[in-house]
Amino acid sequence: MAGVLSALIAVLGTLLGVAVSHLFQQRSAAREQVFMAQQQLRGERMAVYSDFAGALTEFRRGQHDRWHRRDEDPDGDAHFEARVEAYRLRGVALHALFRVQLIASGPVVVDAAKNAYDMANVVHKAGDRGELSALGARAREALEEFVRVASGDVR
C-alpha cells in the first residue's frame, strides 16, 4: 500500500508541476504579446508623427515659396505653379494630420498637430515680409510644440 501511495503522490506532484508550469508559461506569453503590441504601436506612432512633422515642414516651405512668388509677380507662371504646389503640399500635410488623429493616444497630441497645421496654413496670407517672418516663426514654434508633445506619446 505504501508503494501505491508513493506512486500516487509522485503522479500528483508531476501533474501539479505541469499545471503550474503551464500557468506561468501562459502568463509569460500574455506579457510578451502585450509588450510586442506596445512596441509595434510605439513604432507606428513614431513613423506617423515623424511623417507629419516632415509633411508640415514641406507645407510651411511651400507656403513661403507661394508668398514670395506672389510678391515677385502676382500674375506670373511662377506664382501659379507655387500656388499649385502649395495646394499639393497642403493635401499631403492634411493626410498626415488625419493619420495622427487615428493613432494618437489622446487629444493633447491631436490638438498640437491641428494647431501646427493651422499655423502653417495661414503663412501665405502675410501682408509683408515682417508678417511673413512672424507667421513662419509661429508655425515653426507650433510644430516644435507638436514634436515635444508627441515625443511623450512614444516613450
Protein backbone atom coordinates (compact mmCIF):
# COMPACT_ATOMS: atom_id res chain seq x y z
CA MET A 1 0.00 0.00 0.00
CA ALA A 2 2.88 2.35 0.75
CA GLY A 3 4.23 1.86 -2.79
CA VAL A 4 0.87 2.79 -4.33
CA LEU A 5 0.59 5.88 -2.12
CA SER A 6 4.12 6.92 -3.08
CA ALA A 7 3.34 6.46 -6.77
CA LEU A 8 0.10 8.40 -6.43
CA ILE A 9 1.89 11.29 -4.68
CA ALA A 10 4.57 11.28 -7.41
CA VAL A 11 1.93 11.39 -10.17
CA LEU A 12 0.00 14.17 -8.40
CA GLY A 13 3.24 16.13 -7.87
CA THR A 14 4.11 15.76 -11.54
CA LEU A 15 0.64 16.88 -12.62
CA LEU A 16 0.78 19.85 -10.25
CA GLY A 17 4.21 20.80 -11.62
CA VAL A 18 2.94 20.60 -15.20
CA ALA A 19 -0.13 22.71 -14.34
CA VAL A 20 1.95 25.37 -12.57
CA SER A 21 4.48 25.46 -15.44
CA HIS A 22 1.66 25.81 -17.94
CA LEU A 23 0.13 28.68 -15.95
CA PHE A 24 3.46 30.54 -15.78
CA GLN A 25 4.09 29.99 -19.50
CA GLN A 26 0.64 31.37 -20.35
CA ARG A 27 1.23 34.46 -18.23
CA SER A 28 4.65 34.93 -19.73
CA ALA A 29 3.28 34.58 -23.26
CA ALA A 30 0.50 37.08 -22.50
CA ARG A 31 3.03 39.58 -21.15
CA GLU A 32 5.17 39.07 -24.24
CA GLN A 33 2.18 39.69 -26.52
CA VAL A 34 1.30 42.91 -24.68
CA PHE A 35 4.92 44.06 -24.85
CA MET A 36 5.14 43.32 -28.58
CA ALA A 37 1.87 45.13 -29.27
CA GLN A 38 3.10 48.16 -27.31
CA GLN A 39 6.38 48.16 -29.23
CA GLN A 40 4.55 47.91 -32.55
CA LEU A 41 2.24 50.80 -31.60
CA ARG A 42 5.22 52.85 -30.46
CA GLY A 43 6.95 52.25 -33.79
CA GLU A 44 3.83 53.14 -35.75
CA ARG A 45 3.34 56.32 -33.74
CA MET A 46 6.97 57.25 -34.25
CA ALA A 47 6.60 56.84 -38.03
CA VAL A 48 3.28 58.72 -38.21
CA TYR A 49 4.47 61.62 -36.04
CA SER A 50 7.72 61.87 -37.95
CA ASP A 51 5.87 61.82 -41.29
CA PHE A 52 3.56 64.57 -40.06
CA ALA A 53 6.48 66.75 -38.96
CA GLY A 54 8.16 66.26 -42.33
CA ALA A 55 4.97 66.96 -44.29
CA LEU A 56 4.28 70.08 -42.26
CA THR A 57 7.83 71.34 -42.74
CA GLU A 58 7.44 70.96 -46.51
CA PHE A 59 3.99 72.59 -46.41
CA ARG A 60 5.39 75.55 -44.49
CA ARG A 61 8.22 75.87 -47.03
CA GLY A 62 5.68 75.73 -49.86
CA GLN A 63 3.64 78.47 -48.24
CA HIS A 64 6.74 80.68 -48.04
CA ASP A 65 7.53 79.98 -51.68
CA ARG A 66 3.96 80.79 -52.66
CA TRP A 67 4.16 84.12 -50.83
CA HIS A 68 7.49 85.05 -52.45
CA ARG A 69 6.31 84.15 -55.96
CA ARG A 70 3.15 86.24 -55.46
CA ASP A 71 5.26 89.12 -54.14
CA GLU A 72 7.52 88.94 -57.22
CA ASP A 73 4.76 88.69 -59.85
CA PRO A 74 1.16 88.01 -58.80
CA ASP A 75 0.10 87.19 -62.36
CA GLY A 76 3.17 85.17 -63.33
CA ASP A 77 3.53 81.49 -64.09
CA ALA A 78 5.89 81.02 -61.13
CA HIS A 79 3.20 82.21 -58.74
CA PHE A 80 0.63 79.90 -60.32
CA GLU A 81 3.00 76.92 -60.07
CA ALA A 82 3.91 77.77 -56.47
CA ARG A 83 0.23 78.01 -55.57
CA VAL A 84 -0.48 74.61 -57.15
CA GLU A 85 2.48 73.10 -55.30
CA ALA A 86 1.29 74.66 -52.02
CA TYR A 87 -2.13 73.05 -52.56
CA ARG A 88 -0.47 69.69 -53.17
CA LEU A 89 1.66 70.05 -50.05
CA ARG A 90 -1.39 71.08 -48.04
CA GLY A 91 -3.08 67.84 -49.11
CA VAL A 92 -0.05 65.81 -48.04
CA ALA A 93 0.04 67.61 -44.67
CA LEU A 94 -3.70 67.13 -44.16
CA HIS A 95 -3.36 63.42 -44.90
CA ALA A 96 -0.55 63.21 -42.34
CA LEU A 97 -2.74 65.07 -39.83
CA PHE A 98 -5.52 62.51 -40.33
CA ARG A 99 -3.04 59.73 -39.63
CA VAL A 100 -2.02 61.48 -36.39
CA GLN A 101 -5.68 61.70 -35.40
CA LEU A 102 -6.10 57.97 -35.97
CA ILE A 103 -3.11 56.80 -33.94
CA ALA A 104 -2.61 59.40 -31.20
CA SER A 105 -3.20 58.28 -27.64
CA GLY A 106 -5.18 61.35 -26.70
CA PRO A 107 -6.48 64.78 -27.58
CA VAL A 108 -3.37 66.67 -26.47
CA VAL A 109 -1.31 65.27 -29.34
CA VAL A 110 -4.14 65.78 -31.83
CA ASP A 111 -4.69 69.38 -30.69
CA ALA A 112 -0.98 70.15 -31.03
CA ALA A 113 -0.97 68.67 -34.54
CA LYS A 114 -4.08 70.64 -35.56
CA ASN A 115 -2.58 73.84 -34.20
CA ALA A 116 0.66 73.27 -36.10
CA TYR A 117 -1.29 72.60 -39.31
CA ASP A 118 -3.45 75.70 -38.81
CA MET A 119 -0.39 77.89 -38.20
CA ALA A 120 1.29 76.66 -41.40
CA ASN A 121 -1.92 77.05 -43.39
CA VAL A 122 -2.02 80.86 -42.97
CA VAL A 123 1.61 81.68 -43.72
CA HIS A 124 0.90 82.62 -47.35
CA LYS A 125 -1.63 85.26 -46.25
CA ALA A 126 1.05 87.56 -44.82
CA GLY A 127 0.82 91.18 -45.93
CA ASP A 128 4.54 91.94 -45.90
CA ARG A 129 7.91 90.34 -45.19
CA GLY A 130 7.74 91.16 -41.49
CA GLU A 131 4.38 89.46 -41.11
CA LEU A 132 5.62 86.54 -43.22
CA SER A 133 8.55 86.12 -40.87
CA ALA A 134 6.28 86.30 -37.80
CA LEU A 135 3.75 83.83 -39.20
CA GLY A 136 6.55 81.49 -40.28
CA ALA A 137 8.07 81.63 -36.81
CA ARG A 138 4.72 80.88 -35.16
CA ALA A 139 4.20 77.94 -37.49
CA ARG A 140 7.69 76.60 -36.67
CA GLU A 141 7.08 77.03 -32.92
CA ALA A 142 3.73 75.21 -33.20
CA LEU A 143 5.46 72.35 -35.00
CA GLU A 144 8.15 72.22 -32.32
CA GLU A 145 5.40 72.08 -29.68
CA PHE A 146 3.78 69.18 -31.53
CA VAL A 147 7.10 67.32 -31.58
CA ARG A 148 7.55 67.96 -27.85
CA VAL A 149 4.06 66.65 -27.04
CA ALA A 150 4.28 63.72 -29.45
CA SER A 151 7.63 62.62 -28.05
CA GLY A 152 5.88 61.88 -24.77
CA ASP A 153 3.48 59.62 -26.66
CA VAL A 154 6.27 57.41 -27.99
CA ARG A 155 8.16 56.89 -24.75
